[in-house]
């Protein structure tokens, strides 16, 4: 498989998108380093070849930063994982901007309220950041928790989304 990689400038810095030949986002994040994006994928799921090019997702990311917080919702993603991970990633896409959940609330939405650690793991293993908005999940005490791309980016995204409500 040949994948496309594109980096765009956002208010939170460089944002790089890796998409397959069908324009599905495989991985993305706030870095200009392609290797950091590819590293978000399991070795077995990494593309054989990567070329620079235009991704459909870039326009959606820029529209999101331009104020259309729903622009990311229609972007196709491709993720590989367990049934619970796939269900979790799909559930993340249903969290409304400006209405973050706690890990406990996220686990409850997965019909497994005691699976808080699993909920956190689903977020941690989410490769197509922004398009699968794992940044919308907080610690049970309401604090930010972790984020692969830095707490400053997570805080900025949450503030952007909160201001829109």
C-alpha atoms as a PDB file:
ATOM      1  CA  UNK A   1       0.000   0.000   0.000  1.00  0.00           C
ATOM      2  CA  UNK A   2       1.131   3.526  -0.798  1.00  0.00           C
ATOM      3  CA  UNK A   3       0.046   6.204   1.656  1.00  0.00           C
ATOM      4  CA  UNK A   4      -0.046   9.973   1.366  1.00  0.00           C
ATOM      5  CA  UNK A   5       1.428  12.269   3.976  1.00  0.00           C
ATOM      6  CA  UNK A   6       0.693  15.971   4.317  1.00  0.00           C
ATOM      7  CA  UNK A   7       1.561  18.590   6.905  1.00  0.00           C
ATOM      8  CA  UNK A   8      -0.500  21.745   7.393  1.00  0.00           C
ATOM      9  CA  UNK A   9      -0.037  24.692   9.721  1.00  0.00           C
ATOM     10  CA  UNK A  10      -2.615  25.120  12.496  1.00  0.00           C
ATOM     11  CA  UNK A  11      -3.014  27.384  15.503  1.00  0.00           C
ATOM     12  CA  UNK A  12      -1.526  24.517  17.534  1.00  0.00           C
ATOM     13  CA  UNK A  13       1.476  24.053  15.239  1.00  0.00           C
ATOM     14  CA  UNK A  14       2.271  21.655  12.433  1.00  0.00           C
ATOM     15  CA  UNK A  15      -0.366  18.943  11.943  1.00  0.00           C
ATOM     16  CA  UNK A  16       0.578  15.907   9.874  1.00  0.00           C
ATOM     17  CA  UNK A  17      -1.865  13.476   8.291  1.00  0.00           C
ATOM     18  CA  UNK A  18      -1.116   9.988   6.937  1.00  0.00           C
ATOM     19  CA  UNK A  19      -3.879   8.663   4.653  1.00  0.00           C
ATOM     20  CA  UNK A  20      -4.242   5.488   2.623  1.00  0.00           C
ATOM     21  CA  UNK A  21      -4.973   5.286  -1.109  1.00  0.00           C
ATOM     22  CA  UNK A  22      -8.706   5.644  -0.347  1.00  0.00           C
ATOM     23  CA  UNK A  23      -8.080   8.875   1.617  1.00  0.00           C
ATOM     24  CA  UNK A  24      -8.827   7.227   4.971  1.00  0.00           C
ATOM     25  CA  UNK A  25      -6.734   8.705   7.783  1.00  0.00           C
ATOM     26  CA  UNK A  26      -4.412   6.105   9.278  1.00  0.00           C
ATOM     27  CA  UNK A  27      -2.646   8.407  11.727  1.00  0.00           C
ATOM     28  CA  UNK A  28      -2.354  12.113  12.432  1.00  0.00           C
ATOM     29  CA  UNK A  29      -0.964  14.464  15.020  1.00  0.00           C
ATOM     30  CA  UNK A  30       0.680  17.739  15.914  1.00  0.00           C
ATOM     31  CA  UNK A  31       4.178  17.310  14.551  1.00  0.00           C
ATOM     32  CA  UNK A  32       6.066  17.945  11.328  1.00  0.00           C
ATOM     33  CA  UNK A  33       7.960  14.670  11.783  1.00  0.00           C
ATOM     34  CA  UNK A  34       6.548  11.952   9.492  1.00  0.00           C
ATOM     35  CA  UNK A  35       8.320   9.250  11.519  1.00  0.00           C
ATOM     36  CA  UNK A  36       6.382  10.272  14.646  1.00  0.00           C
ATOM     37  CA  UNK A  37       3.114   9.820  12.746  1.00  0.00           C
ATOM     38  CA  UNK A  38       4.079   6.443  11.271  1.00  0.00           C
ATOM     39  CA  UNK A  39       5.208   5.297  14.741  1.00  0.00           C
ATOM     40  CA  UNK A  40       1.579   5.620  15.947  1.00  0.00           C
ATOM     41  CA  UNK A  41       0.767   2.531  13.819  1.00  0.00           C
ATOM     42  CA  UNK A  42       1.624  -1.056  14.689  1.00  0.00           C
ATOM     43  CA  UNK A  43       4.500  -2.247  12.520  1.00  0.00           C
ATOM     44  CA  UNK A  44       2.250  -4.741  10.710  1.00  0.00           C
ATOM     45  CA  UNK A  45      -0.118  -1.917   9.676  1.00  0.00           C
ATOM     46  CA  UNK A  46       2.427   0.585   8.407  1.00  0.00           C
ATOM     47  CA  UNK A  47       2.282   1.476   4.718  1.00  0.00           C
ATOM     48  CA  UNK A  48       4.960  -0.006   2.475  1.00  0.00           C
ATOM     49  CA  UNK A  49       5.482   3.303   0.728  1.00  0.00           C
ATOM     50  CA  UNK A  50       4.742   6.893   1.752  1.00  0.00           C
ATOM     51  CA  UNK A  51       4.673   9.863  -0.619  1.00  0.00           C
ATOM     52  CA  UNK A  52       3.936  13.510   0.015  1.00  0.00           C
ATOM     53  CA  UNK A  53       0.592  14.582  -1.390  1.00  0.00           C
ATOM     54  CA  UNK A  54      -2.740  16.240  -0.813  1.00  0.00           C
ATOM     55  CA  UNK A  55      -5.079  14.539   1.639  1.00  0.00           C
ATOM     56  CA  UNK A  56      -8.811  15.175   1.771  1.00  0.00           C
ATOM     57  CA  UNK A  57      -8.516  15.295   5.557  1.00  0.00           C
ATOM     58  CA  UNK A  58      -6.288  18.382   5.466  1.00  0.00           C
ATOM     59  CA  UNK A  59      -9.184  20.572   4.318  1.00  0.00           C
ATOM     60  CA  UNK A  60     -11.332  19.247   7.168  1.00  0.00           C
ATOM     61  CA  UNK A  61      -8.589  19.923   9.722  1.00  0.00           C
ATOM     62  CA  UNK A  62      -8.199  23.486   8.450  1.00  0.00           C
ATOM     63  CA  UNK A  63     -11.987  23.982   8.484  1.00  0.00           C
ATOM     64  CA  UNK A  64     -12.032  22.746  12.099  1.00  0.00           C
ATOM     65  CA  UNK A  65      -9.413  25.329  13.000  1.00  0.00           C
ATOM     66  CA  UNK A  66     -11.417  27.911  11.065  1.00  0.00           C
ATOM     67  CA  UNK A  67     -14.374  27.353  13.394  1.00  0.00           C
ATOM     68  CA  UNK A  68     -16.311  24.482  11.773  1.00  0.00           C
ATOM     69  CA  UNK A  69     -15.873  21.963  14.576  1.00  0.00           C
ATOM     70  CA  UNK A  70     -17.997  19.377  12.764  1.00  0.00           C
ATOM     71  CA  UNK A  71     -15.765  19.363   9.658  1.00  0.00           C
ATOM     72  CA  UNK A  72     -13.738  16.472  11.106  1.00  0.00           C
ATOM     73  CA  UNK A  73     -16.805  14.266  11.606  1.00  0.00           C
ATOM     74  CA  UNK A  74     -17.132  13.093   7.994  1.00  0.00           C
ATOM     75  CA  UNK A  75     -13.446  12.268   7.526  1.00  0.00           C
ATOM     76  CA  UNK A  76     -12.971   8.554   6.922  1.00  0.00           C
ATOM     77  CA  UNK A  77     -10.458   6.790   9.143  1.00  0.00           C
ATOM     78  CA  UNK A  78      -9.003   3.299   9.098  1.00  0.00           C
ATOM     79  CA  UNK A  79      -8.164   1.698  12.431  1.00  0.00           C
ATOM     80  CA  UNK A  80      -7.232  -1.852  13.325  1.00  0.00           C
ATOM     81  CA  UNK A  81      -7.748  -3.256  16.801  1.00  0.00           C
ATOM     82  CA  UNK A  82      -9.836  -5.436  19.069  1.00  0.00           C
ATOM     83  CA  UNK A  83     -13.624  -5.307  19.029  1.00  0.00           C
ATOM     84  CA  UNK A  84     -13.554  -3.164  22.185  1.00  0.00           C
ATOM     85  CA  UNK A  85     -11.011  -0.754  20.690  1.00  0.00           C
ATOM     86  CA  UNK A  86     -13.013  -0.397  17.470  1.00  0.00           C
ATOM     87  CA  UNK A  87     -16.198   0.246  19.468  1.00  0.00           C
ATOM     88  CA  UNK A  88     -14.333   2.758  21.620  1.00  0.00           C
ATOM     89  CA  UNK A  89     -12.913   4.656  18.670  1.00  0.00           C
ATOM     90  CA  UNK A  90     -16.361   4.813  17.100  1.00  0.00           C
ATOM     91  CA  UNK A  91     -17.792   6.079  20.405  1.00  0.00           C
ATOM     92  CA  UNK A  92     -15.114   8.801  20.597  1.00  0.00           C
ATOM     93  CA  UNK A  93     -16.416  10.149  17.300  1.00  0.00           C
ATOM     94  CA  UNK A  94     -19.846  10.628  18.933  1.00  0.00           C
ATOM     95  CA  UNK A  95     -18.629  12.878  21.758  1.00  0.00           C
ATOM     96  CA  UNK A  96     -19.913  16.366  21.014  1.00  0.00           C
ATOM     97  CA  UNK A  97     -17.415  19.241  20.802  1.00  0.00           C
ATOM     98  CA  UNK A  98     -17.454  21.212  24.034  1.00  0.00           C
ATOM     99  CA  UNK A  99     -18.977  18.329  26.003  1.00  0.00           C
ATOM    100  CA  UNK A 100     -16.018  16.183  27.091  1.00  0.00           C
ATOM    101  CA  UNK A 101     -16.473  12.949  29.011  1.00  0.00           C
ATOM    102  CA  UNK A 102     -14.439  11.504  31.847  1.00  0.00           C
ATOM    103  CA  UNK A 103     -12.794   8.109  31.392  1.00  0.00           C
ATOM    104  CA  UNK A 104     -15.510   6.769  33.715  1.00  0.00           C
ATOM    105  CA  UNK A 105     -18.236   8.302  31.552  1.00  0.00           C
ATOM    106  CA  UNK A 106     -16.547   6.984  28.420  1.00  0.00           C
ATOM    107  CA  UNK A 107     -16.394   3.462  29.895  1.00  0.00           C
ATOM    108  CA  UNK A 108     -20.095   3.722  30.797  1.00  0.00           C
ATOM    109  CA  UNK A 109     -20.942   4.673  27.212  1.00  0.00           C
ATOM    110  CA  UNK A 110     -19.148   1.500  26.161  1.00  0.00           C
ATOM    111  CA  UNK A 111     -21.571  -0.403  28.431  1.00  0.00           C
ATOM    112  CA  UNK A 112     -18.692  -1.379  30.685  1.00  0.00           C
ATOM    113  CA  UNK A 113     -18.572   1.214  33.503  1.00  0.00           C
ATOM    114  CA  UNK A 114     -15.795  -0.608  35.379  1.00  0.00           C
ATOM    115  CA  UNK A 115     -13.470  -0.656  32.346  1.00  0.00           C
ATOM    116  CA  UNK A 116     -11.905   2.737  33.052  1.00  0.00           C
ATOM    117  CA  UNK A 117      -8.383   1.466  32.322  1.00  0.00           C
ATOM    118  CA  UNK A 118      -9.549  -0.019  29.023  1.00  0.00           C
ATOM    119  CA  UNK A 119     -11.164   3.326  28.146  1.00  0.00           C
ATOM    120  CA  UNK A 120      -7.880   5.117  28.827  1.00  0.00           C
ATOM    121  CA  UNK A 121      -6.010   2.553  26.737  1.00  0.00           C
ATOM    122  CA  UNK A 122      -8.400   3.068  23.820  1.00  0.00           C
ATOM    123  CA  UNK A 123      -7.610   6.777  23.912  1.00  0.00           C
ATOM    124  CA  UNK A 124      -3.863   6.172  24.203  1.00  0.00           C
ATOM    125  CA  UNK A 125      -3.840   3.862  21.167  1.00  0.00           C
ATOM    126  CA  UNK A 126      -5.868   6.198  18.951  1.00  0.00           C
ATOM    127  CA  UNK A 127      -3.731   6.958  15.876  1.00  0.00           C
ATOM    128  CA  UNK A 128      -5.932   9.376  13.841  1.00  0.00           C
ATOM    129  CA  UNK A 129      -5.937  12.148  16.449  1.00  0.00           C
ATOM    130  CA  UNK A 130      -8.391  15.010  15.921  1.00  0.00           C
ATOM    131  CA  UNK A 131     -10.526  12.949  13.500  1.00  0.00           C
ATOM    132  CA  UNK A 132     -11.171  10.455  16.317  1.00  0.00           C
ATOM    133  CA  UNK A 133     -11.282  13.062  19.091  1.00  0.00           C
ATOM    134  CA  UNK A 134      -9.695  11.299  22.049  1.00  0.00           C
ATOM    135  CA  UNK A 135      -8.827  14.761  23.378  1.00  0.00           C
ATOM    136  CA  UNK A 136     -12.476  14.961  24.505  1.00  0.00           C
ATOM    137  CA  UNK A 137     -11.880  12.480  27.345  1.00  0.00           C
ATOM    138  CA  UNK A 138     -10.680  13.713  30.748  1.00  0.00           C
ATOM    139  CA  UNK A 139      -9.607  12.137  34.000  1.00  0.00           C
ATOM    140  CA  UNK A 140     -12.379  11.295  36.420  1.00  0.00           C
ATOM    141  CA  UNK A 141     -11.477  14.360  38.517  1.00  0.00           C
ATOM    142  CA  UNK A 142     -11.899  16.575  35.434  1.00  0.00           C
ATOM    143  CA  UNK A 143      -8.188  17.222  34.906  1.00  0.00           C
ATOM    144  CA  UNK A 144      -6.685  16.846  31.436  1.00  0.00           C
ATOM    145  CA  UNK A 145      -4.957  13.496  31.854  1.00  0.00           C
ATOM    146  CA  UNK A 146      -2.616  12.444  29.079  1.00  0.00           C
ATOM    147  CA  UNK A 147      -2.415  13.239  25.385  1.00  0.00           C
ATOM    148  CA  UNK A 148       0.149  11.901  22.927  1.00  0.00           C
ATOM    149  CA  UNK A 149       0.654  15.334  21.377  1.00  0.00           C
ATOM    150  CA  UNK A 150       1.039  17.303  24.615  1.00  0.00           C
ATOM    151  CA  UNK A 151      -1.302  18.723  27.192  1.00  0.00           C
ATOM    152  CA  UNK A 152      -0.946  22.216  25.704  1.00  0.00           C
ATOM    153  CA  UNK A 153      -2.522  20.977  22.454  1.00  0.00           C
ATOM    154  CA  UNK A 154      -5.273  19.091  24.329  1.00  0.00           C
ATOM    155  CA  UNK A 155      -6.057  22.157  26.401  1.00  0.00           C
ATOM    156  CA  UNK A 156      -6.168  24.341  23.278  1.00  0.00           C
ATOM    157  CA  UNK A 157      -8.526  21.951  21.478  1.00  0.00           C
ATOM    158  CA  UNK A 158     -10.855  21.735  24.465  1.00  0.00           C
ATOM    159  CA  UNK A 159     -10.858  25.532  24.884  1.00  0.00           C
ATOM    160  CA  UNK A 160     -11.638  25.999  21.172  1.00  0.00           C
ATOM    161  CA  UNK A 161     -14.541  23.559  21.440  1.00  0.00           C
ATOM    162  CA  UNK A 162     -15.822  24.951  24.738  1.00  0.00           C
ATOM    163  CA  UNK A 163     -15.888  28.497  23.340  1.00  0.00           C
ATOM    164  CA  UNK A 164     -18.176  27.347  20.526  1.00  0.00           C
ATOM    165  CA  UNK A 165     -20.958  26.137  22.849  1.00  0.00           C
END
